[in-house]
N, C-alpha and C. Protein backbone atom coordinates (compact mmCIF):
# COMPACT_ATOMS: atom_id res chain seq x y z
N MET A 1 3.19 -8.08 -40.69
CA MET A 1 3.67 -6.79 -40.12
C MET A 1 2.93 -6.59 -38.96
N LYS A 2 1.61 -6.57 -39.07
CA LYS A 2 0.64 -6.22 -38.04
C LYS A 2 0.72 -7.12 -37.04
N PHE A 3 0.78 -8.23 -37.13
CA PHE A 3 0.96 -9.41 -36.04
C PHE A 3 2.31 -9.33 -35.33
N LYS A 4 3.39 -8.91 -36.15
CA LYS A 4 4.74 -8.69 -35.35
C LYS A 4 4.57 -7.73 -34.34
N THR A 5 4.02 -6.59 -34.74
CA THR A 5 3.99 -5.23 -34.14
C THR A 5 3.10 -5.64 -32.68
N LEU A 6 1.91 -6.41 -32.79
CA LEU A 6 1.19 -6.69 -31.88
C LEU A 6 1.73 -7.65 -30.74
N LEU A 7 2.82 -8.41 -31.26
CA LEU A 7 3.43 -9.45 -30.57
C LEU A 7 4.70 -8.64 -29.88
N ILE A 8 5.17 -7.81 -30.53
CA ILE A 8 6.35 -6.92 -29.68
C ILE A 8 5.57 -6.02 -28.44
N SER A 9 4.34 -5.49 -28.98
CA SER A 9 3.74 -4.92 -28.03
C SER A 9 3.45 -5.64 -26.65
N GLY A 10 2.88 -6.62 -27.10
CA GLY A 10 2.51 -7.71 -25.99
C GLY A 10 3.82 -8.19 -25.16
N ILE A 11 4.73 -8.33 -25.70
CA ILE A 11 6.22 -8.53 -25.03
C ILE A 11 6.70 -7.63 -24.24
N LEU A 12 6.52 -6.41 -24.54
CA LEU A 12 6.85 -5.09 -23.96
C LEU A 12 5.88 -5.09 -22.67
N LEU A 13 4.54 -5.12 -23.02
CA LEU A 13 3.51 -5.09 -21.80
C LEU A 13 3.76 -6.11 -20.57
N VAL A 14 3.86 -7.46 -21.01
CA VAL A 14 4.37 -8.30 -20.24
C VAL A 14 5.68 -8.07 -19.21
N SER A 15 6.58 -7.58 -19.99
CA SER A 15 8.08 -7.37 -19.44
C SER A 15 7.78 -6.12 -18.42
N THR A 16 6.62 -5.12 -18.46
CA THR A 16 6.56 -4.27 -17.57
C THR A 16 5.92 -4.50 -16.28
N VAL A 17 5.35 -5.63 -16.51
CA VAL A 17 4.29 -5.78 -15.43
C VAL A 17 4.62 -7.16 -14.98
N ALA A 18 5.99 -7.49 -15.18
CA ALA A 18 6.30 -8.99 -14.44
C ALA A 18 5.91 -9.08 -13.00
N ALA A 19 5.30 -10.12 -12.98
CA ALA A 19 4.79 -10.13 -11.37
C ALA A 19 5.83 -10.25 -10.26
N PHE A 20 5.70 -9.40 -9.45
CA PHE A 20 6.58 -9.84 -8.17
C PHE A 20 5.58 -10.03 -7.01
N ALA A 21 5.82 -10.94 -6.21
CA ALA A 21 5.18 -11.57 -5.16
C ALA A 21 5.33 -10.61 -3.67
N GLN A 22 4.25 -10.27 -3.20
CA GLN A 22 4.70 -9.68 -2.00
C GLN A 22 5.04 -10.62 -1.12
N LYS A 23 6.26 -10.05 -0.18
CA LYS A 23 6.80 -10.69 0.82
C LYS A 23 6.30 -10.42 2.14
N MET A 24 6.12 -11.25 3.13
CA MET A 24 5.57 -10.89 4.25
C MET A 24 6.37 -11.93 5.41
N LYS A 25 6.76 -11.20 6.48
CA LYS A 25 7.54 -12.15 7.79
C LYS A 25 7.31 -11.46 8.93
N ILE A 26 7.21 -11.94 9.99
CA ILE A 26 7.41 -11.34 11.43
C ILE A 26 8.78 -11.04 11.60
N THR A 27 9.10 -9.75 11.91
CA THR A 27 10.61 -9.68 12.21
C THR A 27 10.85 -9.45 13.80
N SER A 28 9.86 -9.17 14.51
CA SER A 28 9.88 -9.42 16.04
C SER A 28 8.60 -9.66 16.48
N GLY A 29 8.68 -10.18 17.72
CA GLY A 29 7.63 -10.61 18.55
C GLY A 29 6.65 -11.70 18.08
N ASP A 30 5.41 -12.15 18.23
CA ASP A 30 4.87 -13.12 17.75
C ASP A 30 3.43 -12.91 18.19
N PRO A 31 2.47 -13.62 17.17
CA PRO A 31 1.08 -12.92 17.50
C PRO A 31 0.23 -13.42 18.88
N GLY A 32 0.59 -14.05 19.55
CA GLY A 32 -0.10 -14.54 20.75
C GLY A 32 -0.72 -13.54 21.43
N PHE A 33 -0.38 -12.23 21.33
CA PHE A 33 -1.19 -11.46 22.30
C PHE A 33 -2.49 -11.01 21.36
N LEU A 34 -2.71 -11.46 20.38
CA LEU A 34 -4.00 -10.96 19.74
C LEU A 34 -4.85 -11.98 20.39
N LYS A 35 -4.90 -13.12 20.76
CA LYS A 35 -5.71 -14.21 21.49
C LYS A 35 -6.91 -13.42 22.05
N GLY A 36 -8.25 -13.55 21.60
CA GLY A 36 -9.33 -13.24 22.49
C GLY A 36 -9.64 -11.61 22.11
N GLN A 37 -8.87 -10.95 21.08
CA GLN A 37 -9.24 -9.40 20.70
C GLN A 37 -10.24 -9.57 19.85
N LYS A 38 -11.08 -8.51 19.94
CA LYS A 38 -12.01 -8.44 18.75
C LYS A 38 -12.13 -7.24 17.91
N LYS A 39 -11.28 -6.25 18.23
CA LYS A 39 -10.77 -5.16 17.55
C LYS A 39 -9.61 -4.77 17.68
N ILE A 40 -9.13 -3.94 16.75
CA ILE A 40 -7.93 -3.27 16.57
C ILE A 40 -7.95 -2.13 16.35
N ASN A 41 -7.36 -0.94 16.82
CA ASN A 41 -6.99 0.17 16.40
C ASN A 41 -6.32 0.27 15.35
N VAL A 42 -6.25 1.17 14.31
CA VAL A 42 -5.38 1.22 13.12
C VAL A 42 -5.08 2.92 12.87
N VAL A 43 -3.68 3.22 12.99
CA VAL A 43 -3.20 4.44 12.37
C VAL A 43 -2.24 4.23 11.23
N TYR A 44 -1.75 5.47 10.68
CA TYR A 44 -1.03 5.22 9.53
C TYR A 44 0.22 6.24 9.67
N ASP A 45 1.26 5.84 9.12
CA ASP A 45 2.62 6.56 9.39
C ASP A 45 3.33 6.71 7.96
N TYR A 46 3.38 7.95 7.40
CA TYR A 46 4.11 8.19 6.02
C TYR A 46 5.26 9.06 6.34
N SER A 47 5.74 9.18 7.60
CA SER A 47 6.62 10.21 8.06
C SER A 47 8.11 10.00 7.46
N ASN A 48 8.55 8.54 7.21
CA ASN A 48 9.91 8.31 6.65
C ASN A 48 9.61 7.51 5.66
N MET A 49 9.10 8.14 4.38
CA MET A 49 9.25 7.28 3.09
C MET A 49 9.69 8.08 2.07
N GLY A 50 10.31 6.60 1.29
CA GLY A 50 10.97 7.08 0.09
C GLY A 50 9.91 6.93 -1.17
N VAL A 51 10.19 7.80 -2.25
CA VAL A 51 9.20 7.44 -3.22
C VAL A 51 10.08 7.58 -4.60
N GLY A 52 9.69 6.55 -5.34
CA GLY A 52 10.56 6.55 -6.76
C GLY A 52 12.02 6.42 -6.48
N LYS A 53 12.88 7.31 -7.09
CA LYS A 53 14.08 7.45 -7.18
C LYS A 53 14.52 8.35 -6.03
N PHE A 54 13.69 8.93 -5.11
CA PHE A 54 13.99 10.03 -4.23
C PHE A 54 13.81 9.21 -3.00
N ASP A 55 14.82 9.27 -1.93
CA ASP A 55 14.98 8.99 -0.43
C ASP A 55 13.75 9.87 0.25
N ARG A 56 13.61 10.86 0.03
CA ARG A 56 12.58 11.75 0.87
C ARG A 56 11.26 11.89 -0.13
N GLU A 57 10.13 11.78 0.66
CA GLU A 57 8.93 11.91 -0.20
C GLU A 57 8.73 13.40 -0.70
N GLU A 58 9.42 14.34 0.26
CA GLU A 58 9.24 15.78 -0.06
C GLU A 58 9.95 16.10 -1.28
N ASP A 59 11.14 15.58 -1.64
CA ASP A 59 11.83 16.06 -2.85
C ASP A 59 11.04 15.21 -4.00
N TYR A 60 10.39 14.35 -3.86
CA TYR A 60 9.71 13.70 -5.02
C TYR A 60 8.36 14.55 -5.19
N VAL A 61 7.71 15.05 -4.32
CA VAL A 61 6.57 15.65 -4.49
C VAL A 61 7.01 17.04 -4.98
N LYS A 62 8.10 17.65 -4.64
CA LYS A 62 8.53 18.98 -5.01
C LYS A 62 9.00 18.90 -6.41
N ASP A 63 9.57 17.83 -7.05
CA ASP A 63 10.24 17.65 -8.44
C ASP A 63 8.68 17.44 -9.13
N LYS A 64 8.03 16.41 -8.73
CA LYS A 64 6.71 16.13 -9.70
C LYS A 64 5.93 17.44 -9.71
N SER A 65 5.70 18.24 -8.85
CA SER A 65 4.71 19.03 -8.82
C SER A 65 5.38 20.27 -9.78
N GLU A 66 6.58 20.46 -9.66
CA GLU A 66 7.08 21.46 -10.17
C GLU A 66 7.17 21.35 -11.80
N LYS A 67 7.24 19.92 -12.11
CA LYS A 67 7.28 19.54 -13.61
C LYS A 67 5.94 19.83 -14.05
N LEU A 68 4.82 19.39 -13.42
CA LEU A 68 3.41 19.47 -13.78
C LEU A 68 3.25 20.85 -14.04
N ASN A 69 3.54 21.74 -13.13
CA ASN A 69 3.12 23.21 -13.35
C ASN A 69 3.73 23.70 -14.41
N GLU A 70 5.13 23.24 -14.91
CA GLU A 70 5.65 23.79 -15.84
C GLU A 70 4.61 23.40 -17.28
N LYS A 71 4.22 22.34 -17.16
CA LYS A 71 3.39 21.82 -18.39
C LYS A 71 2.01 22.60 -18.66
N GLU A 72 1.60 22.81 -17.06
CA GLU A 72 0.30 23.63 -17.29
C GLU A 72 0.03 24.10 -15.94
N SER A 73 -0.16 25.35 -15.82
CA SER A 73 -0.21 26.34 -14.60
C SER A 73 -1.41 25.51 -13.67
N GLY A 74 -0.99 25.44 -12.35
CA GLY A 74 -1.86 24.69 -11.33
C GLY A 74 -2.05 23.36 -11.31
N ARG A 75 -1.47 22.75 -12.53
CA ARG A 75 -1.97 21.13 -12.59
C ARG A 75 -0.82 20.49 -11.49
N GLY A 76 0.43 20.99 -11.24
CA GLY A 76 0.97 20.20 -10.28
C GLY A 76 0.55 20.48 -8.81
N ASP A 77 -0.26 21.77 -8.80
CA ASP A 77 -0.58 22.20 -7.11
C ASP A 77 -1.80 21.14 -7.07
N GLU A 78 -2.47 20.94 -7.75
CA GLU A 78 -3.78 20.03 -7.85
C GLU A 78 -3.26 18.56 -7.65
N TRP A 79 -2.20 18.33 -8.46
CA TRP A 79 -1.59 16.95 -8.27
C TRP A 79 -1.09 16.78 -6.46
N LYS A 80 -0.47 17.77 -6.33
CA LYS A 80 0.11 17.57 -4.91
C LYS A 80 -0.88 17.52 -3.88
N LYS A 81 -1.83 18.37 -4.18
CA LYS A 81 -3.17 18.31 -3.00
C LYS A 81 -3.79 16.81 -3.04
N ASN A 82 -3.94 16.20 -4.25
CA ASN A 82 -4.53 14.99 -4.44
C ASN A 82 -3.56 13.66 -3.77
N TRP A 83 -2.40 13.98 -3.95
CA TRP A 83 -1.26 13.20 -3.40
C TRP A 83 -1.42 12.71 -1.98
N VAL A 84 -1.71 13.70 -1.35
CA VAL A 84 -1.98 13.78 0.18
C VAL A 84 -3.37 13.25 0.52
N ALA A 85 -4.39 13.87 -0.24
CA ALA A 85 -5.80 13.41 -0.09
C ALA A 85 -6.01 12.00 -0.21
N ASP A 86 -5.31 11.43 -1.00
CA ASP A 86 -6.08 10.01 -1.57
C ASP A 86 -5.59 9.00 -0.42
N ARG A 87 -4.76 9.61 0.48
CA ARG A 87 -4.46 8.55 1.72
C ARG A 87 -5.73 8.31 2.35
N LYS A 88 -6.63 9.31 2.98
CA LYS A 88 -7.60 9.06 3.93
C LYS A 88 -8.73 8.65 3.04
N GLU A 89 -8.67 9.32 1.61
CA GLU A 89 -10.00 8.78 0.83
C GLU A 89 -9.81 7.75 0.10
N ARG A 90 -8.64 7.00 -0.30
CA ARG A 90 -8.39 5.82 -1.11
C ARG A 90 -7.61 4.68 -0.38
N PHE A 91 -6.47 5.11 -0.09
CA PHE A 91 -5.64 3.94 0.37
C PHE A 91 -5.86 3.50 1.70
N GLU A 92 -6.32 4.07 2.78
CA GLU A 92 -6.50 3.59 4.10
C GLU A 92 -7.71 2.87 4.03
N PRO A 93 -8.95 3.50 3.41
CA PRO A 93 -10.06 2.95 3.42
C PRO A 93 -10.26 1.49 2.91
N LYS A 94 -9.23 1.44 1.71
CA LYS A 94 -9.05 -0.07 0.86
C LYS A 94 -8.32 -0.84 1.57
N PHE A 95 -7.41 -0.26 2.42
CA PHE A 95 -6.32 -1.21 3.25
C PHE A 95 -7.45 -2.04 4.41
N GLU A 96 -8.28 -1.18 4.92
CA GLU A 96 -9.19 -1.65 6.11
C GLU A 96 -10.19 -2.48 5.52
N GLU A 97 -10.89 -2.18 4.36
CA GLU A 97 -11.99 -3.09 3.77
C GLU A 97 -11.44 -4.46 3.37
N LEU A 98 -10.27 -4.55 2.95
CA LEU A 98 -9.86 -5.88 2.45
C LEU A 98 -9.19 -6.73 3.69
N PHE A 99 -8.67 -5.91 4.62
CA PHE A 99 -8.20 -6.53 5.87
C PHE A 99 -9.47 -7.08 6.76
N ASN A 100 -10.31 -6.47 6.91
CA ASN A 100 -11.71 -6.60 7.44
C ASN A 100 -12.47 -8.02 6.77
N LYS A 101 -12.38 -7.76 5.54
CA LYS A 101 -12.88 -9.04 4.82
C LYS A 101 -12.34 -10.60 5.38
N GLN A 102 -11.11 -10.38 5.55
CA GLN A 102 -10.28 -11.67 5.99
C GLN A 102 -10.60 -11.80 7.71
N LEU A 103 -10.59 -10.79 8.12
CA LEU A 103 -10.59 -11.01 9.77
C LEU A 103 -12.29 -11.11 10.35
N GLU A 104 -13.08 -10.92 9.24
CA GLU A 104 -14.70 -11.21 9.59
C GLU A 104 -14.56 -12.63 9.67
N LYS A 105 -13.92 -13.34 9.28
CA LYS A 105 -14.11 -14.95 9.43
C LYS A 105 -13.73 -15.49 10.73
N VAL A 106 -12.81 -14.52 11.68
CA VAL A 106 -12.70 -14.86 13.22
C VAL A 106 -13.37 -13.85 13.88
N GLY A 107 -14.32 -13.19 13.71
CA GLY A 107 -15.02 -12.32 14.41
C GLY A 107 -14.26 -11.06 14.79
N VAL A 108 -13.09 -10.50 14.03
CA VAL A 108 -12.41 -9.34 14.58
C VAL A 108 -12.37 -8.23 13.57
N LYS A 109 -12.42 -6.83 14.11
CA LYS A 109 -12.45 -5.83 13.15
C LYS A 109 -11.51 -4.91 13.34
N VAL A 110 -11.02 -4.32 12.46
CA VAL A 110 -10.02 -3.33 12.40
C VAL A 110 -10.28 -1.81 12.11
N GLY A 111 -10.04 -1.00 12.80
CA GLY A 111 -10.47 0.35 12.30
C GLY A 111 -9.99 1.51 13.15
N GLN A 112 -10.87 2.96 13.33
CA GLN A 112 -10.38 3.72 14.43
C GLN A 112 -11.29 3.48 15.61
N PHE A 113 -10.61 2.46 16.38
CA PHE A 113 -11.06 2.33 17.87
C PHE A 113 -10.27 2.63 18.86
N ASP A 114 -10.30 3.78 19.59
CA ASP A 114 -9.42 4.25 20.38
C ASP A 114 -9.48 3.50 21.62
N ASP A 115 -10.61 2.60 21.93
CA ASP A 115 -10.87 2.03 23.14
C ASP A 115 -10.22 0.63 22.84
N ALA A 116 -9.57 0.25 21.96
CA ALA A 116 -9.03 -1.03 21.65
C ALA A 116 -7.78 -1.32 22.29
N GLU A 117 -7.41 -2.60 22.81
CA GLU A 117 -6.42 -2.69 23.84
C GLU A 117 -5.20 -2.74 22.86
N TYR A 118 -5.20 -2.88 21.39
CA TYR A 118 -3.93 -2.74 20.83
C TYR A 118 -4.26 -2.17 19.59
N THR A 119 -3.01 -1.35 19.24
CA THR A 119 -2.94 -0.59 17.94
C THR A 119 -2.00 -0.77 16.93
N LEU A 120 -2.64 -0.97 15.51
CA LEU A 120 -1.84 -1.06 14.37
C LEU A 120 -1.26 0.03 13.97
N VAL A 121 -0.06 0.32 13.81
CA VAL A 121 0.43 1.35 13.01
C VAL A 121 1.15 0.77 11.90
N LEU A 122 0.60 1.24 10.67
CA LEU A 122 0.99 0.82 9.58
C LEU A 122 1.81 1.80 8.93
N LYS A 123 3.28 1.61 8.82
CA LYS A 123 4.22 2.49 8.39
C LYS A 123 4.52 2.26 7.04
N THR A 124 4.52 3.29 5.99
CA THR A 124 4.86 3.01 4.64
C THR A 124 6.18 3.60 4.61
N THR A 125 7.37 2.78 4.27
CA THR A 125 8.43 3.19 4.10
C THR A 125 9.03 3.36 2.76
N TYR A 126 8.21 3.05 1.74
CA TYR A 126 8.73 3.11 0.32
C TYR A 126 7.33 2.98 -0.44
N THR A 127 7.13 4.07 -1.69
CA THR A 127 6.13 3.82 -2.37
C THR A 127 6.92 3.78 -3.78
N GLU A 128 6.60 2.87 -4.94
CA GLU A 128 6.85 3.00 -6.05
C GLU A 128 5.73 3.32 -6.80
N PRO A 129 5.43 4.70 -7.40
CA PRO A 129 4.18 5.08 -7.90
C PRO A 129 3.83 4.16 -9.20
N GLY A 130 4.66 3.60 -10.00
CA GLY A 130 4.68 3.27 -11.31
C GLY A 130 3.90 4.11 -12.20
N PHE A 131 3.67 3.43 -13.48
CA PHE A 131 3.13 4.34 -14.64
C PHE A 131 2.28 3.31 -15.53
N ASN A 132 1.49 4.08 -16.36
CA ASN A 132 0.80 3.37 -17.59
C ASN A 132 0.56 4.27 -18.55
N VAL A 133 1.24 3.93 -19.75
CA VAL A 133 1.03 4.68 -20.94
C VAL A 133 0.57 4.10 -21.77
N GLY A 134 -0.14 3.13 -21.60
CA GLY A 134 -0.77 2.02 -22.87
C GLY A 134 -0.13 0.97 -23.01
N VAL A 135 1.03 0.99 -23.98
CA VAL A 135 1.74 -0.11 -24.29
C VAL A 135 2.65 -0.48 -23.29
N VAL A 136 3.40 0.44 -22.44
CA VAL A 136 4.27 0.21 -21.49
C VAL A 136 3.76 0.61 -20.26
N ARG A 137 3.88 -0.20 -19.31
CA ARG A 137 3.42 -0.19 -17.87
C ARG A 137 4.51 -0.48 -16.82
N LYS A 138 4.27 0.19 -15.66
CA LYS A 138 5.15 -0.26 -14.63
C LYS A 138 4.16 -0.33 -13.20
N SER A 139 4.16 -1.53 -12.63
CA SER A 139 3.24 -1.51 -11.62
C SER A 139 3.73 -0.85 -10.35
N ALA A 140 2.89 -0.22 -9.54
CA ALA A 140 2.99 0.63 -8.28
C ALA A 140 3.31 -0.75 -7.43
N PHE A 141 4.01 -0.44 -6.30
CA PHE A 141 4.08 -1.18 -4.83
C PHE A 141 4.71 -0.21 -4.03
N THR A 142 4.22 -1.04 -2.60
CA THR A 142 4.65 -0.37 -1.36
C THR A 142 5.53 -1.51 -0.62
N ASN A 143 6.09 -0.74 0.07
CA ASN A 143 7.02 -1.38 1.30
C ASN A 143 6.30 -0.70 2.75
N LEU A 144 5.94 -1.83 3.35
CA LEU A 144 5.26 -1.51 4.60
C LEU A 144 5.82 -2.16 5.75
N GLU A 145 5.37 -1.77 6.84
CA GLU A 145 5.67 -2.43 8.18
C GLU A 145 4.30 -2.17 9.00
N ALA A 146 4.12 -3.40 9.47
CA ALA A 146 2.77 -3.29 10.41
C ALA A 146 3.41 -3.62 11.84
N VAL A 147 3.32 -2.42 12.54
CA VAL A 147 3.80 -2.49 13.84
C VAL A 147 2.62 -2.51 15.05
N PHE A 148 2.62 -3.31 15.56
CA PHE A 148 1.57 -3.65 16.69
C PHE A 148 1.86 -3.34 17.92
N MET A 149 1.32 -2.55 18.73
CA MET A 149 1.58 -1.95 20.23
C MET A 149 0.43 -1.99 20.96
N GLN A 150 0.65 -1.89 22.29
CA GLN A 150 -0.65 -1.60 22.99
C GLN A 150 -0.95 -0.13 22.96
N THR A 151 -2.16 0.12 22.99
CA THR A 151 -2.76 1.40 22.48
C THR A 151 -2.16 2.36 23.72
N GLY A 152 -1.54 3.26 23.32
CA GLY A 152 -1.02 4.52 24.29
C GLY A 152 0.57 4.28 24.50
N SER A 153 1.13 3.08 24.09
CA SER A 153 2.51 2.53 24.24
C SER A 153 3.09 2.86 22.95
N GLU A 154 4.39 3.07 22.91
CA GLU A 154 5.30 3.23 21.81
C GLU A 154 6.23 2.11 21.70
N GLU A 155 6.06 1.01 22.33
CA GLU A 155 6.94 -0.06 22.39
C GLU A 155 6.13 -1.27 21.55
N PRO A 156 6.70 -1.70 20.48
CA PRO A 156 6.23 -2.88 19.84
C PRO A 156 5.96 -3.92 20.21
N VAL A 157 4.96 -4.69 20.36
CA VAL A 157 5.04 -6.12 20.65
C VAL A 157 5.08 -7.10 19.66
N MET A 158 4.97 -6.56 18.25
CA MET A 158 5.06 -7.28 17.03
C MET A 158 5.32 -6.73 15.73
N VAL A 159 6.15 -6.84 14.92
CA VAL A 159 6.35 -6.18 13.72
C VAL A 159 6.35 -7.21 12.83
N ILE A 160 5.66 -6.65 11.63
CA ILE A 160 5.63 -7.73 10.31
C ILE A 160 5.92 -6.61 9.31
N ALA A 161 6.96 -7.42 8.69
CA ALA A 161 7.27 -6.42 7.27
C ALA A 161 6.70 -7.10 5.99
N LEU A 162 5.98 -6.12 5.08
CA LEU A 162 5.26 -6.45 3.98
C LEU A 162 6.12 -5.73 2.76
N GLU A 163 6.91 -6.51 2.22
CA GLU A 163 7.89 -5.92 1.05
C GLU A 163 7.08 -6.19 -0.42
N LYS A 164 7.09 -5.03 -1.04
CA LYS A 164 6.61 -5.05 -2.60
C LYS A 164 5.06 -5.55 -2.78
N SER A 165 4.54 -4.83 -1.98
CA SER A 165 2.90 -5.05 -2.18
C SER A 165 2.43 -4.49 -3.36
N PRO A 166 2.18 -5.36 -4.44
CA PRO A 166 1.88 -4.68 -5.51
C PRO A 166 0.59 -3.91 -6.00
N GLY A 167 0.51 -2.84 -6.77
CA GLY A 167 -0.52 -2.11 -7.07
C GLY A 167 -0.87 -1.95 -8.77
N ARG A 168 -1.84 -2.72 -8.91
CA ARG A 168 -2.23 -2.79 -10.58
C ARG A 168 -3.38 -3.32 -10.91
N ASP A 169 -4.06 -2.94 -12.01
CA ASP A 169 -5.38 -3.47 -12.40
C ASP A 169 -5.16 -4.61 -13.15
N ALA A 170 -5.88 -5.66 -13.20
CA ALA A 170 -5.54 -7.05 -14.04
C ALA A 170 -5.94 -6.90 -15.43
N MET A 171 -6.67 -5.66 -15.86
CA MET A 171 -7.12 -5.48 -17.23
C MET A 171 -6.31 -4.55 -17.86
N GLY A 172 -5.25 -3.55 -17.00
CA GLY A 172 -4.39 -2.84 -17.62
C GLY A 172 -5.10 -1.43 -17.43
N TYR A 173 -6.21 -1.25 -16.89
CA TYR A 173 -6.87 0.13 -16.82
C TYR A 173 -6.23 1.16 -15.67
N ASP A 174 -5.03 1.01 -15.31
CA ASP A 174 -4.55 1.57 -13.97
C ASP A 174 -3.85 2.88 -14.47
N PHE A 175 -4.45 3.85 -15.15
CA PHE A 175 -3.77 5.04 -15.80
C PHE A 175 -3.25 6.07 -14.73
N ASP A 176 -4.14 5.95 -13.55
CA ASP A 176 -4.40 6.77 -12.52
C ASP A 176 -3.21 6.31 -11.51
N THR A 177 -2.38 7.07 -11.11
CA THR A 177 -1.39 6.59 -9.94
C THR A 177 -1.97 6.57 -8.62
N GLY A 178 -3.00 7.26 -8.21
CA GLY A 178 -3.77 7.01 -7.15
C GLY A 178 -4.45 5.68 -6.82
N TYR A 179 -4.91 5.28 -8.08
CA TYR A 179 -5.56 3.70 -8.03
C TYR A 179 -4.73 2.89 -8.16
N ARG A 180 -3.46 2.83 -8.61
CA ARG A 180 -2.26 1.86 -8.42
C ARG A 180 -1.89 1.55 -7.25
N ILE A 181 -1.83 2.92 -6.61
CA ILE A 181 -1.16 2.73 -5.29
C ILE A 181 -2.40 2.27 -4.08
N GLN A 182 -3.65 2.64 -4.61
CA GLN A 182 -4.76 2.35 -3.67
C GLN A 182 -4.75 0.65 -3.72
N GLU A 183 -4.49 -0.18 -4.89
CA GLU A 183 -4.61 -1.56 -5.22
C GLU A 183 -3.42 -2.05 -4.40
N SER A 184 -2.24 -1.34 -4.24
CA SER A 184 -1.06 -1.82 -3.30
C SER A 184 -1.70 -2.17 -1.86
N TYR A 185 -2.32 -0.83 -1.30
CA TYR A 185 -2.88 -1.05 -0.05
C TYR A 185 -3.94 -2.03 0.17
N ALA A 186 -4.85 -2.35 -0.91
CA ALA A 186 -5.77 -3.26 -0.80
C ALA A 186 -5.15 -4.80 -0.70
N LYS A 187 -4.07 -4.85 -1.48
CA LYS A 187 -3.38 -6.12 -1.51
C LYS A 187 -2.96 -6.21 -0.15
N ALA A 188 -2.03 -5.35 0.32
CA ALA A 188 -1.57 -5.50 1.67
C ALA A 188 -2.60 -5.93 2.64
N GLY A 189 -3.78 -5.18 2.56
CA GLY A 189 -4.64 -5.54 3.78
C GLY A 189 -5.20 -7.11 3.54
N LYS A 190 -5.45 -7.28 2.51
CA LYS A 190 -5.93 -8.66 2.13
C LYS A 190 -4.90 -9.65 2.76
N GLU A 191 -3.56 -9.51 2.22
CA GLU A 191 -2.79 -10.53 2.64
C GLU A 191 -2.31 -10.36 4.18
N LEU A 192 -2.22 -9.56 4.65
CA LEU A 192 -2.01 -9.42 6.09
C LEU A 192 -2.98 -9.90 6.91
N GLY A 193 -4.39 -10.05 6.52
CA GLY A 193 -5.46 -10.46 7.17
C GLY A 193 -5.33 -11.89 7.14
N GLN A 194 -5.16 -12.52 5.80
CA GLN A 194 -4.86 -13.95 5.65
C GLN A 194 -3.65 -14.29 6.43
N PHE A 195 -2.64 -13.65 6.46
CA PHE A 195 -1.40 -14.18 7.18
C PHE A 195 -1.95 -14.18 8.67
N LEU A 196 -2.65 -13.60 9.33
CA LEU A 196 -2.91 -13.40 10.73
C LEU A 196 -3.91 -14.57 11.07
N VAL A 197 -4.61 -14.72 10.02
CA VAL A 197 -5.63 -15.83 10.27
C VAL A 197 -4.95 -17.19 10.26
N LYS A 198 -4.10 -17.05 9.04
CA LYS A 198 -3.49 -18.34 9.19
C LYS A 198 -2.47 -18.83 10.13
N LYS A 199 -2.20 -17.92 10.89
CA LYS A 199 -1.24 -18.14 11.93
C LYS A 199 -2.04 -18.53 13.34
N LYS A 200 -3.25 -18.28 12.93
CA LYS A 200 -4.25 -18.48 14.22
C LYS A 200 -4.23 -17.47 15.33
N ALA A 201 -3.76 -16.13 14.86
CA ALA A 201 -3.32 -15.13 15.91
C ALA A 201 -4.86 -14.80 16.73
N PHE A 202 -5.81 -15.27 16.26
CA PHE A 202 -6.98 -14.93 17.00
C PHE A 202 -7.55 -15.91 17.71
């Protein structure tokens, strides 16, 4: 009986974290403009993002914070503050860290470089926060657009779509929503860097 229970638990666990591969493709332009570049400015855009079952982020945040405040006064307010703070404290640094690990192979850096010739606008179009309640898990993932343009211009020179960048801990210790989403940005940074290096963009 104990073995059967463990087996069922294992099946549930595997079924809820079934791997979905990140898909990446150039939807417009080509990477030729990056030849000779040594640094790229990067900015982030969350302005038109769906979350979970909600088409608009603000509806998700309102629903989540109200439910948490009902359970414990102030808990939802704290969650709401962290939801936004995690971007600059966790998601963006992780994206840049893993992106740079790949680009250092070709002598290129990404970061806050206002004097760079080109800027990457990383647009998050959708976030699935996922969950982890022990036996049952659902991985987080993000859908992103990497929009490259000349710094100071709003005209894209290349757009790369990154779909379903997964966020999870391989050992299953991703109980914190912020951590799961952080890992999604880390995965996106790593694979975007690999993609550009493989394309010999630089």
